[in-house]
Amino acid sequence: MPLPDPGQSHAVLIGVHDYRQLDPLPGVEAGVGRLAELLCDREVWGLPRRNVTVVGGRASADDILKAVRDAGQATTATLLVYFAGHGRREHNGDQLHLALAEADRDHVEIGALPYSLLLGLARRAGHGARRRVMLLDCCYSGLAIPMGDSATALGHLVSEPDAGEGSGPGDSGFASWIMTSTSRTELSFSPPHGYPYFTGALIDVLEHGVAGAGPTLTFDRIAKEAGDRLRRLGCPRPQCADHNAAGEESWVRNRADKGSQEAPPRPVPHAGTGPAPRSAALSAEFPFDTVKGGGYRIGAVKRQLDGVLATVEDPRLGWRARSPHFRTVSVRWIWGYDMRQVDAHIEQQRAEPTEFVDALRLVLARQGITVLPDGDPGGRRLRERCGASGAERLIGYAEKGAMACTDTHLCLSSSALMRIPYSALEDVSLATSSKTVRTVTVTDQGGFSDDSRHFITRVTFGHRTLEFDEFSMAPVQKALRGFLPAMDDLRRRRPEWFRQAAGKCPVSPGRSPHGREWGHESVPRRRHRAAHPEAG
């Protein structure tokens, strides 16, 4: 089937990426630029450069309408209008408003172009066009497709004859097609780095083609392929409607067809101001299964994953990123990304720390021990409690300040203070037990008793032992059970760090600060493999 004549076709691409009051959409500008390049590529559609109008982000409603009017009047084959930006709707309203750069945060109508106005002008000015195509990448864009039978509604809205159209291509020979990024009630998403997801999927299909689909791609085939890519990402499903079977007509050449040959794209002036973001191979960008009623929120992962990956890829900052990395789903009928798959994907990108202090911070963060930022005002109090010298950096602490870490020592504080150099952690033994304590309260109404469970943790280093009596949360016991084995693993992987630490930390077991003594007879030495007698 022949393609629309590129010499008699026009495209108007509108991209609003910078807003005064609404959130910016940095990927929109690059997406519009890349889409313009592909439409001009002779191996895709081959529009002449003069037939593609890119409307910048600071354009007013009048600028947009004039561009559509001029393109429509010059078109006899296909008129394509594309918009990417924020879409808005009134509360319980059914009118779509395309937000422009001056859009007001509180009042939908201010600084916006009603979609019905844009569509009406495209219909009147482009009444001589054989086809009219609308592509909308914005929230609530499905409002552009009236409810009811889509073909009948679209035909009435887009192609109803009016004064000025007359006969000719505006009657039975006319066809129209529309694709929106979301339904009437859904949001559309754009990552901080990269094309908006809907635009990226469309670009991916045009740029790479569809294997086995033949030499050309129809509107419906492009919509199906883009929808499949978005579905794998967990994005809303695009909505489509056509009139006079426009969806079955060919639109562009298929670059994946063996008979196609790659040709350099024709540049479009002012289509973008910098290099395009990451490649739009979207099918592999979020390769996670979805689970209902749990997992990470899909929107949070899409918005924040790039930032988390940038953090874990930095050996000095990787400790700042630990699970859970994103907000989780708490409603049973909402879908989310599988947390284990997302966390595994992030850990695969993690760079190994190159300094002991950074590795220590990562160990602490993974065990849920609070890592104290440099310059934290609470550092002085903790440093005094732990007896840290001015040359030592305070790294982190557990609940109640009973456990803290410097860059050279593990510090424990109970009835006394115990400072243990990391080079001697293998000489620490940990014993745990539990007991039930009954508390009786007597009032004028009678007596009341309450049983509570206490967890006893005894830490022995040399000839000194500290005891921690904790309630159900047992923060010190939990922290030590995770911290000591993790440090053992770090010692096996990087023994040179601990040899260096031994030279810097001459404190030996016999010179440990005084703690509460229990004697070697009552707490046998076991290294730090914890015993777990559940004594009542």
Protein backbone atom coordinates (compact mmCIF):
# COMPACT_ATOMS: atom_id res chain seq x y z
CA MET A 1 0.00 0.00 0.00
CA PRO A 2 1.50 3.39 -0.94
CA LEU A 3 2.55 5.81 1.79
CA PRO A 4 1.01 9.27 2.17
CA ASP A 5 2.71 11.61 -0.30
CA PRO A 6 5.41 13.32 1.80
CA GLY A 7 5.53 16.30 -0.54
CA GLN A 8 1.81 16.99 0.09
CA SER A 9 1.87 16.17 3.82
CA HIS A 10 2.70 18.37 6.80
CA ALA A 11 3.46 17.77 10.48
CA VAL A 12 3.16 20.16 13.42
CA LEU A 13 5.06 18.96 16.50
CA ILE A 14 4.30 20.79 19.75
CA GLY A 15 6.47 20.13 22.79
CA VAL A 16 6.17 22.05 26.07
CA HIS A 17 8.98 21.10 28.45
CA ASP A 18 9.49 24.18 30.64
CA TYR A 19 6.74 25.46 32.92
CA ARG A 20 6.69 28.37 35.32
CA GLN A 21 4.41 26.73 37.89
CA LEU A 22 4.12 23.07 36.87
CA ASP A 23 6.83 20.40 37.02
CA PRO A 24 9.30 20.56 34.10
CA LEU A 25 9.40 17.75 31.53
CA PRO A 26 13.03 17.74 30.34
CA GLY A 27 12.64 14.78 27.97
CA VAL A 28 9.90 16.41 25.89
CA GLU A 29 12.22 18.70 23.95
CA ALA A 30 14.55 15.87 22.95
CA GLY A 31 11.59 13.64 22.07
CA VAL A 32 10.11 16.25 19.73
CA GLY A 33 13.49 16.74 18.09
CA ARG A 34 14.06 13.03 17.49
CA LEU A 35 10.52 12.53 16.20
CA ALA A 36 11.03 15.35 13.70
CA GLU A 37 14.27 13.78 12.47
CA LEU A 38 12.56 10.41 11.94
CA LEU A 39 9.63 11.91 10.04
CA CYS A 40 12.13 13.56 7.67
CA ASP A 41 14.18 10.39 7.26
CA ARG A 42 13.68 8.96 3.77
CA GLU A 43 13.76 5.44 5.24
CA VAL A 44 10.81 6.30 7.51
CA TRP A 45 8.48 8.80 5.82
CA GLY A 46 10.69 11.37 4.06
CA LEU A 47 8.87 14.64 4.79
CA PRO A 48 10.72 17.67 3.40
CA ARG A 49 12.19 19.79 6.18
CA ARG A 50 9.99 22.72 5.24
CA ASN A 51 6.90 20.57 5.82
CA VAL A 52 7.74 19.91 9.50
CA THR A 53 7.00 22.68 11.98
CA VAL A 54 8.43 22.33 15.49
CA VAL A 55 6.66 24.63 17.95
CA GLY A 56 8.90 25.49 20.90
CA GLY A 57 8.07 25.25 24.58
CA ARG A 58 7.57 29.00 25.07
CA ALA A 59 4.97 29.30 22.29
CA SER A 60 1.59 30.81 23.08
CA ALA A 61 -1.79 29.37 22.15
CA ASP A 62 -1.96 31.76 19.19
CA ASP A 63 1.46 30.61 17.94
CA ILE A 64 0.30 26.99 18.03
CA LEU A 65 -3.01 27.68 16.30
CA LYS A 66 -1.33 29.69 13.55
CA ALA A 67 1.17 26.88 12.91
CA VAL A 68 -1.67 24.33 12.65
CA ARG A 69 -3.68 26.66 10.40
CA ASP A 70 -0.78 27.20 8.00
CA ALA A 71 0.07 23.50 7.85
CA GLY A 72 -3.55 22.49 7.38
CA GLN A 73 -4.14 24.88 4.50
CA ALA A 74 -1.05 23.55 2.70
CA THR A 75 -1.93 19.85 3.10
CA THR A 76 -3.73 17.63 0.62
CA ALA A 77 -2.36 14.24 1.76
CA THR A 78 -1.81 13.80 5.54
CA LEU A 79 -1.88 16.43 8.30
CA LEU A 80 -0.22 15.24 11.51
CA VAL A 81 -0.45 17.16 14.80
CA TYR A 82 1.53 15.97 17.82
CA PHE A 83 1.49 17.39 21.36
CA ALA A 84 3.67 16.46 24.35
CA GLY A 85 3.42 18.23 27.69
CA HIS A 86 1.10 18.41 30.67
CA GLY A 87 -2.56 17.57 30.11
CA ARG A 88 -5.15 18.83 32.59
CA ARG A 89 -8.83 18.50 33.30
CA GLU A 90 -11.27 20.19 35.60
CA HIS A 91 -12.57 18.28 38.59
CA ASN A 92 -15.16 15.83 37.24
CA GLY A 93 -14.86 17.59 33.87
CA ASP A 94 -14.63 15.96 30.47
CA GLN A 95 -12.65 18.65 28.61
CA LEU A 96 -8.94 18.20 27.92
CA HIS A 97 -6.71 21.28 28.36
CA LEU A 98 -3.18 21.26 26.92
CA ALA A 99 -1.00 23.10 29.43
CA LEU A 100 1.41 25.67 28.00
CA ALA A 101 4.44 27.28 29.62
CA GLU A 102 2.38 29.89 31.52
CA ALA A 103 -0.10 27.35 32.90
CA ASP A 104 -1.46 28.23 36.33
CA ARG A 105 -1.08 25.61 39.07
CA ASP A 106 -4.53 26.21 40.57
CA HIS A 107 -6.67 27.22 37.59
CA VAL A 108 -6.77 24.77 34.68
CA GLU A 109 -8.04 27.27 32.11
CA ILE A 110 -5.25 29.83 32.60
CA GLY A 111 -2.26 29.35 30.31
CA ALA A 112 -3.81 26.36 28.54
CA LEU A 113 -5.08 25.52 25.06
CA PRO A 114 -8.41 23.65 25.04
CA TYR A 115 -8.00 20.58 22.90
CA SER A 116 -11.41 21.12 21.31
CA LEU A 117 -10.16 24.48 19.99
CA LEU A 118 -7.03 22.90 18.48
CA LEU A 119 -9.05 20.08 16.94
CA GLY A 120 -11.67 22.41 15.50
CA LEU A 121 -9.04 24.54 13.78
CA ALA A 122 -7.22 21.47 12.42
CA ARG A 123 -10.50 20.22 10.99
CA ARG A 124 -11.44 23.50 9.35
CA ALA A 125 -7.99 24.53 8.09
CA GLY A 126 -7.17 21.00 6.97
CA HIS A 127 -10.45 20.19 5.30
CA GLY A 128 -8.58 19.49 2.06
CA ALA A 129 -6.35 16.85 3.67
CA ARG A 130 -6.87 13.20 2.79
CA ARG A 131 -6.00 12.15 6.33
CA ARG A 132 -5.77 13.90 9.68
CA VAL A 133 -3.68 12.30 12.45
CA MET A 134 -3.56 13.35 16.11
CA LEU A 135 -0.91 12.08 18.58
CA LEU A 136 -1.24 13.20 22.22
CA ASP A 137 1.32 12.45 24.93
CA CYS A 138 -0.11 13.98 28.11
CA CYS A 139 -2.16 13.12 31.17
CA TYR A 140 -5.88 12.46 30.58
CA SER A 141 -5.28 12.52 26.82
CA GLY A 142 -7.98 9.88 26.40
CA LEU A 143 -10.48 12.72 26.86
CA ALA A 144 -9.77 13.49 23.20
CA ILE A 145 -11.68 10.32 22.28
CA PRO A 146 -15.37 10.75 23.10
CA MET A 147 -17.11 8.00 25.02
CA GLY A 148 -19.37 5.61 23.16
CA ASP A 149 -18.59 3.91 19.90
CA SER A 150 -15.13 5.20 19.06
CA ALA A 151 -15.45 5.15 15.28
CA THR A 152 -18.83 6.91 15.27
CA ALA A 153 -17.79 9.45 17.91
CA LEU A 154 -14.49 10.19 16.23
CA GLY A 155 -16.12 10.56 12.85
CA HIS A 156 -18.60 13.03 14.28
CA LEU A 157 -15.94 14.99 16.18
CA VAL A 158 -13.14 15.02 13.63
CA SER A 159 -14.71 14.73 10.22
CA GLU A 160 -18.21 16.15 10.46
CA PRO A 161 -18.64 18.31 7.34
CA ASP A 162 -19.18 21.96 7.93
CA ALA A 163 -19.30 25.14 5.93
CA GLY A 164 -16.00 25.57 4.18
CA GLU A 165 -15.32 21.87 3.63
CA GLY A 166 -17.79 21.34 0.82
CA SER A 167 -17.37 18.27 -1.30
CA GLY A 168 -14.27 16.50 -2.34
CA PRO A 169 -11.87 14.82 0.05
CA GLY A 170 -13.87 15.97 3.06
CA ASP A 171 -16.57 13.34 2.42
CA SER A 172 -16.29 9.59 1.88
CA GLY A 173 -12.62 9.76 0.90
CA PHE A 174 -11.59 11.37 4.18
CA ALA A 175 -9.94 9.35 6.98
CA SER A 176 -8.73 10.22 10.47
CA TRP A 177 -6.78 8.51 13.22
CA ILE A 178 -5.94 9.44 16.81
CA MET A 179 -3.68 7.83 19.41
CA THR A 180 -3.38 9.02 23.02
CA SER A 181 -0.88 8.01 25.68
CA THR A 182 -3.51 7.30 28.36
CA SER A 183 -7.20 6.89 29.00
CA ARG A 184 -9.54 9.64 30.21
CA THR A 185 -8.56 9.18 33.87
CA GLU A 186 -4.90 8.10 33.82
CA LEU A 187 -1.64 9.98 34.16
CA SER A 188 1.12 9.89 31.58
CA PHE A 189 4.74 9.58 32.72
CA SER A 190 8.11 10.98 31.73
CA PRO A 191 11.43 9.91 33.34
CA PRO A 192 13.94 12.55 34.54
CA HIS A 193 16.39 11.44 31.84
CA GLY A 194 14.95 10.17 28.56
CA TYR A 195 11.98 10.62 26.32
CA PRO A 196 8.45 10.53 27.74
CA TYR A 197 7.44 6.87 27.78
CA PHE A 198 4.72 7.10 25.13
CA THR A 199 6.88 9.23 22.82
CA GLY A 200 9.84 6.94 23.46
CA ALA A 201 7.83 3.87 22.47
CA LEU A 202 6.66 5.59 19.27
CA ILE A 203 10.22 6.64 18.44
CA ASP A 204 11.43 3.10 19.11
CA VAL A 205 8.98 1.64 16.58
CA LEU A 206 9.78 4.22 13.90
CA GLU A 207 13.53 3.98 14.48
CA HIS A 208 13.94 0.21 14.66
CA GLY A 209 10.89 -1.03 12.79
CA VAL A 210 9.05 -4.31 13.31
CA ALA A 211 10.60 -7.58 12.18
CA GLY A 212 8.41 -9.57 9.84
CA ALA A 213 5.83 -6.81 9.34
CA GLY A 214 6.57 -6.17 5.68
CA PRO A 215 7.93 -3.09 3.92
CA THR A 216 5.46 -0.60 5.48
CA LEU A 217 3.76 -0.09 8.83
CA THR A 218 0.11 0.84 9.21
CA PHE A 219 -1.20 3.18 11.89
CA ASP A 220 -2.76 0.25 13.74
CA ARG A 221 0.45 -1.82 13.64
CA ILE A 222 2.45 1.09 15.05
CA ALA A 223 -0.11 1.53 17.82
CA LYS A 224 0.04 -2.18 18.68
CA GLU A 225 3.84 -2.29 18.80
CA ALA A 226 4.08 0.88 20.88
CA GLY A 227 1.40 -0.45 23.21
CA ASP A 228 3.32 -3.71 23.70
CA ARG A 229 6.44 -1.79 24.67
CA LEU A 230 4.52 0.35 27.13
CA ARG A 231 2.75 -2.64 28.64
CA ARG A 232 6.09 -4.26 29.43
CA LEU A 233 7.06 -1.08 31.25
CA GLY A 234 3.87 -1.05 33.29
CA CYS A 235 2.70 2.17 31.61
CA PRO A 236 -0.92 2.96 30.77
CA ARG A 237 -2.17 1.42 27.57
CA PRO A 238 -2.49 3.86 24.63
CA GLN A 239 -5.96 4.57 23.31
CA CYS A 240 -6.71 4.60 19.56
CA ALA A 241 -9.67 5.36 17.32
CA ASP A 242 -10.07 5.85 13.59
CA HIS A 243 -12.60 6.89 10.96
CA ASN A 244 -13.03 5.30 7.51
CA ALA A 245 -10.51 2.56 8.37
CA ALA A 246 -7.59 4.97 8.58
CA GLY A 247 -5.82 2.58 10.96
CA GLU A 248 -5.43 0.04 8.16
CA GLU A 249 -3.57 2.46 5.90
CA SER A 250 0.22 2.53 5.67
CA TRP A 251 2.00 5.45 7.27
CA VAL A 252 5.77 4.86 7.24
CA ARG A 253 8.38 2.47 5.87
CA ASN A 254 9.49 -0.39 8.07
CA ARG A 255 13.19 -0.01 8.87
CA ALA A 256 13.37 -3.62 10.04
CA ASP A 257 12.35 -4.94 6.63
CA LYS A 258 15.27 -6.63 4.87
CA GLY A 259 14.69 -4.60 1.73
CA SER A 260 15.12 -1.30 3.60
CA GLN A 261 18.48 0.42 3.71
CA GLU A 262 19.53 2.86 6.35
CA ALA A 263 19.88 6.47 5.24
CA PRO A 264 21.14 9.43 7.26
CA PRO A 265 18.27 11.44 8.75
CA ARG A 266 17.55 14.93 7.54
CA PRO A 267 18.22 17.43 10.34
CA VAL A 268 15.39 19.68 11.43
CA PRO A 269 16.43 23.18 12.56
CA HIS A 270 15.57 24.17 16.14
CA ALA A 271 14.18 20.74 16.97
CA GLY A 272 16.39 20.33 20.03
CA THR A 273 19.21 22.04 21.88
CA GLY A 274 21.38 19.16 22.97
CA PRO A 275 22.14 15.47 22.60
CA ALA A 276 19.20 13.13 22.93
CA PRO A 277 18.94 11.24 26.22
CA ARG A 278 19.50 7.52 26.49
CA SER A 279 18.46 5.27 23.64
CA ALA A 280 14.77 4.53 23.62
CA ALA A 281 15.13 0.76 23.79
CA LEU A 282 12.28 0.87 26.25
CA SER A 283 11.46 -2.80 26.26
CA ALA A 284 14.59 -3.48 28.32
CA GLU A 285 14.55 -0.36 30.47
CA PHE A 286 12.18 -1.72 33.13
CA PRO A 287 12.38 -5.53 32.82
CA PHE A 288 10.43 -6.20 36.02
CA ASP A 289 7.38 -8.35 36.72
CA THR A 290 4.34 -6.68 38.23
CA VAL A 291 2.57 -7.89 41.37
CA LYS A 292 -0.86 -6.92 42.59
CA GLY A 293 -1.22 -5.34 46.00
CA GLY A 294 2.51 -5.08 46.71
CA GLY A 295 5.95 -4.22 45.38
CA TYR A 296 7.35 -0.83 44.51
CA ARG A 297 5.08 1.83 43.10
CA ILE A 298 5.52 1.79 39.34
CA GLY A 299 5.48 5.56 38.98
CA ALA A 300 8.11 5.98 41.72
CA VAL A 301 10.45 3.49 40.03
CA LYS A 302 10.08 5.20 36.66
CA ARG A 303 10.76 8.63 38.10
CA GLN A 304 13.58 7.78 40.50
CA LEU A 305 15.41 4.71 39.15
CA ASP A 306 17.97 6.74 37.20
CA GLY A 307 18.89 8.68 40.34
CA VAL A 308 19.27 5.52 42.43
CA LEU A 309 21.46 3.89 39.78
CA ALA A 310 23.66 6.99 39.59
CA THR A 311 24.14 6.76 43.37
CA VAL A 312 25.04 3.07 43.52
CA GLU A 313 27.45 3.45 40.59
CA ASP A 314 29.49 5.94 42.65
CA PRO A 315 31.89 4.07 45.00
CA ARG A 316 31.87 6.98 47.45
CA LEU A 317 28.12 7.48 47.62
CA GLY A 318 26.72 3.99 47.10
CA TRP A 319 26.04 3.55 50.83
CA ARG A 320 23.29 6.16 50.57
CA ALA A 321 21.13 3.83 48.46
CA ARG A 322 19.69 0.85 50.33
CA SER A 323 16.47 -1.11 50.14
CA PRO A 324 13.67 -0.17 50.14
CA HIS A 325 14.64 2.28 47.41
CA PHE A 326 11.12 3.46 46.50
CA ARG A 327 7.69 3.85 48.00
CA THR A 328 5.73 0.62 48.14
CA VAL A 329 2.18 -0.29 47.18
CA SER A 330 -0.17 -0.58 50.15
CA VAL A 331 -3.52 -1.02 48.35
CA ARG A 332 -4.47 -4.56 47.40
CA TRP A 333 -5.88 -3.73 43.95
CA ILE A 334 -2.90 -1.59 42.82
CA TRP A 335 -0.11 -3.14 40.77
CA GLY A 336 3.56 -2.61 41.58
CA TYR A 337 6.98 -3.78 40.43
CA ASP A 338 8.43 -6.90 42.08
CA MET A 339 10.73 -5.55 44.81
CA ARG A 340 13.20 -8.43 44.63
CA GLN A 341 13.72 -7.98 40.91
CA VAL A 342 14.16 -4.22 41.21
CA ASP A 343 16.59 -4.54 44.13
CA ALA A 344 18.59 -7.24 42.28
CA HIS A 345 18.79 -4.99 39.21
CA ILE A 346 20.11 -2.13 41.34
CA GLU A 347 22.66 -4.32 43.12
CA GLN A 348 24.01 -5.52 39.77
CA GLN A 349 24.96 -1.93 39.00
CA ARG A 350 26.56 -1.24 42.39
CA ALA A 351 30.22 -0.26 42.32
CA GLU A 352 32.45 -1.75 45.01
CA PRO A 353 33.78 0.87 47.46
CA THR A 354 37.46 1.62 47.09
CA GLU A 355 37.96 3.03 50.61
CA PHE A 356 37.39 1.29 53.94
CA VAL A 357 35.23 4.07 55.34
CA ASP A 358 32.87 3.91 52.36
CA ALA A 359 32.67 0.11 52.64
CA LEU A 360 31.91 0.48 56.35
CA ARG A 361 29.13 2.94 55.62
CA LEU A 362 27.65 0.48 53.13
CA VAL A 363 27.75 -2.35 55.68
CA LEU A 364 25.99 -0.17 58.23
CA ALA A 365 23.37 1.04 55.77
CA ARG A 366 22.57 -2.50 54.65
CA GLN A 367 22.07 -3.56 58.27
CA GLY A 368 19.65 -0.70 58.87
CA ILE A 369 22.01 1.16 61.18
CA THR A 370 21.59 4.89 60.84
CA VAL A 371 24.49 6.48 58.98
CA LEU A 372 25.31 9.88 60.38
CA PRO A 373 26.05 12.51 57.70
CA ASP A 374 29.20 14.58 58.08
CA GLY A 375 28.51 17.66 60.14
CA ASP A 376 25.40 16.22 61.82
CA PRO A 377 24.69 18.22 65.02
CA GLY A 378 24.14 14.98 66.96
CA GLY A 379 27.69 13.88 66.27
CA ARG A 380 29.24 15.73 69.17
CA ARG A 381 27.00 14.08 71.75
CA LEU A 382 27.63 10.62 70.30
CA ARG A 383 31.36 11.25 70.02
CA GLU A 384 31.51 12.14 73.69
CA ARG A 385 29.50 9.06 74.64
CA CYS A 386 31.74 6.79 72.56
CA GLY A 387 34.99 8.43 73.60
CA ALA A 388 35.95 9.01 69.96
CA SER A 389 39.05 11.07 69.41
CA GLY A 390 39.06 14.20 67.31
CA ALA A 391 40.91 12.31 64.56
CA GLU A 392 38.17 9.73 64.24
CA ARG A 393 35.09 10.19 62.13
CA LEU A 394 31.74 9.19 63.61
CA ILE A 395 30.03 6.96 61.05
CA GLY A 396 26.72 5.75 62.45
CA TYR A 397 24.66 4.73 65.44
CA ALA A 398 21.89 2.39 66.43
CA GLU A 399 18.79 3.24 68.43
CA LYS A 400 19.24 5.00 71.80
CA GLY A 401 22.90 5.66 70.99
CA ALA A 402 23.89 2.30 72.55
CA MET A 403 25.96 1.40 69.49
CA ALA A 404 28.06 3.68 67.34
CA CYS A 405 30.85 3.33 64.80
CA THR A 406 33.83 5.52 64.09
CA ASP A 407 36.11 4.98 61.13
CA THR A 408 38.33 2.76 63.33
CA HIS A 409 36.23 1.38 66.21
CA LEU A 410 32.93 -0.21 67.10
CA CYS A 411 31.65 1.55 70.23
CA LEU A 412 29.14 -0.02 72.63
CA SER A 413 27.64 1.83 75.56
CA SER A 414 25.62 0.23 78.35
CA SER A 415 26.65 0.41 82.01
CA ALA A 416 30.09 1.36 80.68
CA LEU A 417 31.83 1.99 77.40
CA MET A 418 33.52 -0.63 75.21
CA ARG A 419 35.60 0.37 72.19
CA ILE A 420 36.54 -2.47 69.82
CA PRO A 421 38.93 -1.92 66.89
CA TYR A 422 37.69 -3.40 63.63
CA SER A 423 40.92 -5.37 63.34
CA ALA A 424 39.90 -7.30 66.49
CA LEU A 425 36.24 -7.98 65.74
CA GLU A 426 36.99 -11.67 65.32
CA ASP A 427 37.80 -11.76 69.06
CA VAL A 428 34.28 -10.65 70.00
CA SER A 429 31.78 -13.20 71.31
CA LEU A 430 28.05 -12.58 71.38
CA ALA A 431 25.57 -14.46 73.57
CA THR A 432 21.83 -13.85 73.63
CA SER A 433 18.95 -14.98 75.80
CA SER A 434 15.51 -13.81 76.78
CA LYS A 435 13.38 -13.60 79.90
CA THR A 436 9.84 -12.72 80.89
CA VAL A 437 9.35 -9.91 83.37
CA ARG A 438 6.03 -9.49 85.17
CA THR A 439 5.03 -6.03 86.31
CA VAL A 440 2.23 -5.62 88.89
CA THR A 441 0.36 -2.36 89.22
CA VAL A 442 -1.90 -1.76 92.23
CA THR A 443 -4.60 0.91 92.15
CA ASP A 444 -7.75 1.63 94.16
CA GLN A 445 -9.61 -0.46 91.58
CA GLY A 446 -7.47 -3.51 92.20
CA GLY A 447 -4.24 -5.05 90.96
CA PHE A 448 -3.14 -5.49 87.34
CA SER A 449 -0.24 -7.54 86.01
CA ASP A 450 1.54 -7.27 82.69
CA ASP A 451 4.13 -9.65 81.24
CA SER A 452 6.84 -8.28 78.96
CA ARG A 453 9.60 -10.09 77.11
CA HIS A 454 13.16 -8.84 77.56
CA PHE A 455 16.08 -9.74 75.30
CA ILE A 456 19.50 -10.02 76.93
CA THR A 457 22.60 -9.50 74.80
CA ARG A 458 26.08 -10.07 76.29
CA VAL A 459 29.07 -8.85 74.31
CA THR A 460 32.48 -10.15 75.45
CA PHE A 461 35.76 -8.69 74.30
CA GLY A 462 38.88 -9.79 76.13
CA HIS A 463 38.09 -10.03 79.87
CA ARG A 464 35.25 -7.49 79.73
CA THR A 465 31.56 -8.06 79.08
CA LEU A 466 28.72 -5.64 78.49
CA GLU A 467 25.09 -6.56 78.95
CA PHE A 468 22.16 -5.00 77.07
CA ASP A 469 18.64 -5.53 78.44
CA GLU A 470 16.21 -4.62 75.65
CA PHE A 471 12.52 -4.94 74.90
CA SER A 472 10.87 -6.56 71.89
CA MET A 473 12.62 -4.42 69.26
CA ALA A 474 16.09 -5.36 70.62
CA PRO A 475 17.91 -2.79 68.44
CA VAL A 476 21.46 -3.53 69.63
CA GLN A 477 21.02 -7.30 69.36
CA LYS A 478 19.58 -7.01 65.86
CA ALA A 479 22.30 -4.60 64.77
CA LEU A 480 25.16 -6.76 66.06
CA ARG A 481 23.75 -9.96 64.58
CA GLY A 482 23.90 -8.36 61.16
CA PHE A 483 26.96 -6.15 61.57
CA LEU A 484 29.49 -8.70 62.85
CA PRO A 485 28.97 -11.33 60.10
CA ALA A 486 28.94 -8.57 57.47
CA MET A 487 32.30 -7.29 58.71
CA ASP A 488 33.64 -10.87 58.66
CA ASP A 489 32.64 -11.10 55.00
CA LEU A 490 34.32 -7.76 54.30
CA ARG A 491 37.51 -9.01 56.02
CA ARG A 492 37.59 -12.08 53.77
CA ARG A 493 37.20 -9.95 50.64
CA ARG A 494 39.55 -7.10 51.62
CA PRO A 495 41.99 -8.36 54.30
CA GLU A 496 44.43 -5.54 53.57
CA TRP A 497 42.01 -3.00 55.00
CA PHE A 498 42.00 -4.77 58.35
CA ARG A 499 45.77 -5.14 58.41
CA GLN A 500 46.00 -1.39 57.91
CA ALA A 501 43.38 -0.86 60.60
CA ALA A 502 45.38 -2.99 63.00
CA GLY A 503 48.29 -0.61 62.67
CA LYS A 504 46.07 2.36 63.36
CA CYS A 505 44.14 0.75 66.25
CA PRO A 506 46.62 -0.62 68.81
CA VAL A 507 43.89 -1.31 71.37
CA SER A 508 44.12 -4.97 72.37
CA PRO A 509 41.53 -7.13 74.15
CA GLY A 510 43.44 -6.80 77.43
CA ARG A 511 43.34 -3.00 77.25
CA SER A 512 39.67 -2.59 76.42
CA PRO A 513 37.82 0.09 78.38
CA HIS A 514 36.00 -1.16 81.44
CA GLY A 515 32.56 -2.70 81.06
CA ARG A 516 30.38 -4.77 83.31
CA GLU A 517 32.25 -8.00 84.05
CA TRP A 518 30.57 -11.37 84.01
CA GLY A 519 33.68 -13.54 83.99
CA HIS A 520 34.76 -16.11 81.43
CA GLU A 521 33.04 -18.89 83.36
CA SER A 522 29.51 -17.59 82.79
CA VAL A 523 30.03 -16.48 79.14
CA PRO A 524 32.24 -18.89 77.20
CA ARG A 525 34.25 -17.41 74.32
CA ARG A 526 32.67 -18.21 70.92
CA ARG A 527 33.95 -15.55 68.57
CA HIS A 528 30.82 -13.68 67.43
CA ARG A 529 28.70 -16.65 66.44
CA ALA A 530 25.66 -15.91 68.55
CA ALA A 531 24.12 -18.49 70.84
CA HIS A 532 20.36 -18.23 71.08
CA PRO A 533 19.08 -19.84 74.30
CA GLU A 534 15.45 -18.88 74.68
CA ALA A 535 15.43 -18.92 78.50
CA GLY A 536 12.11 -17.79 79.86
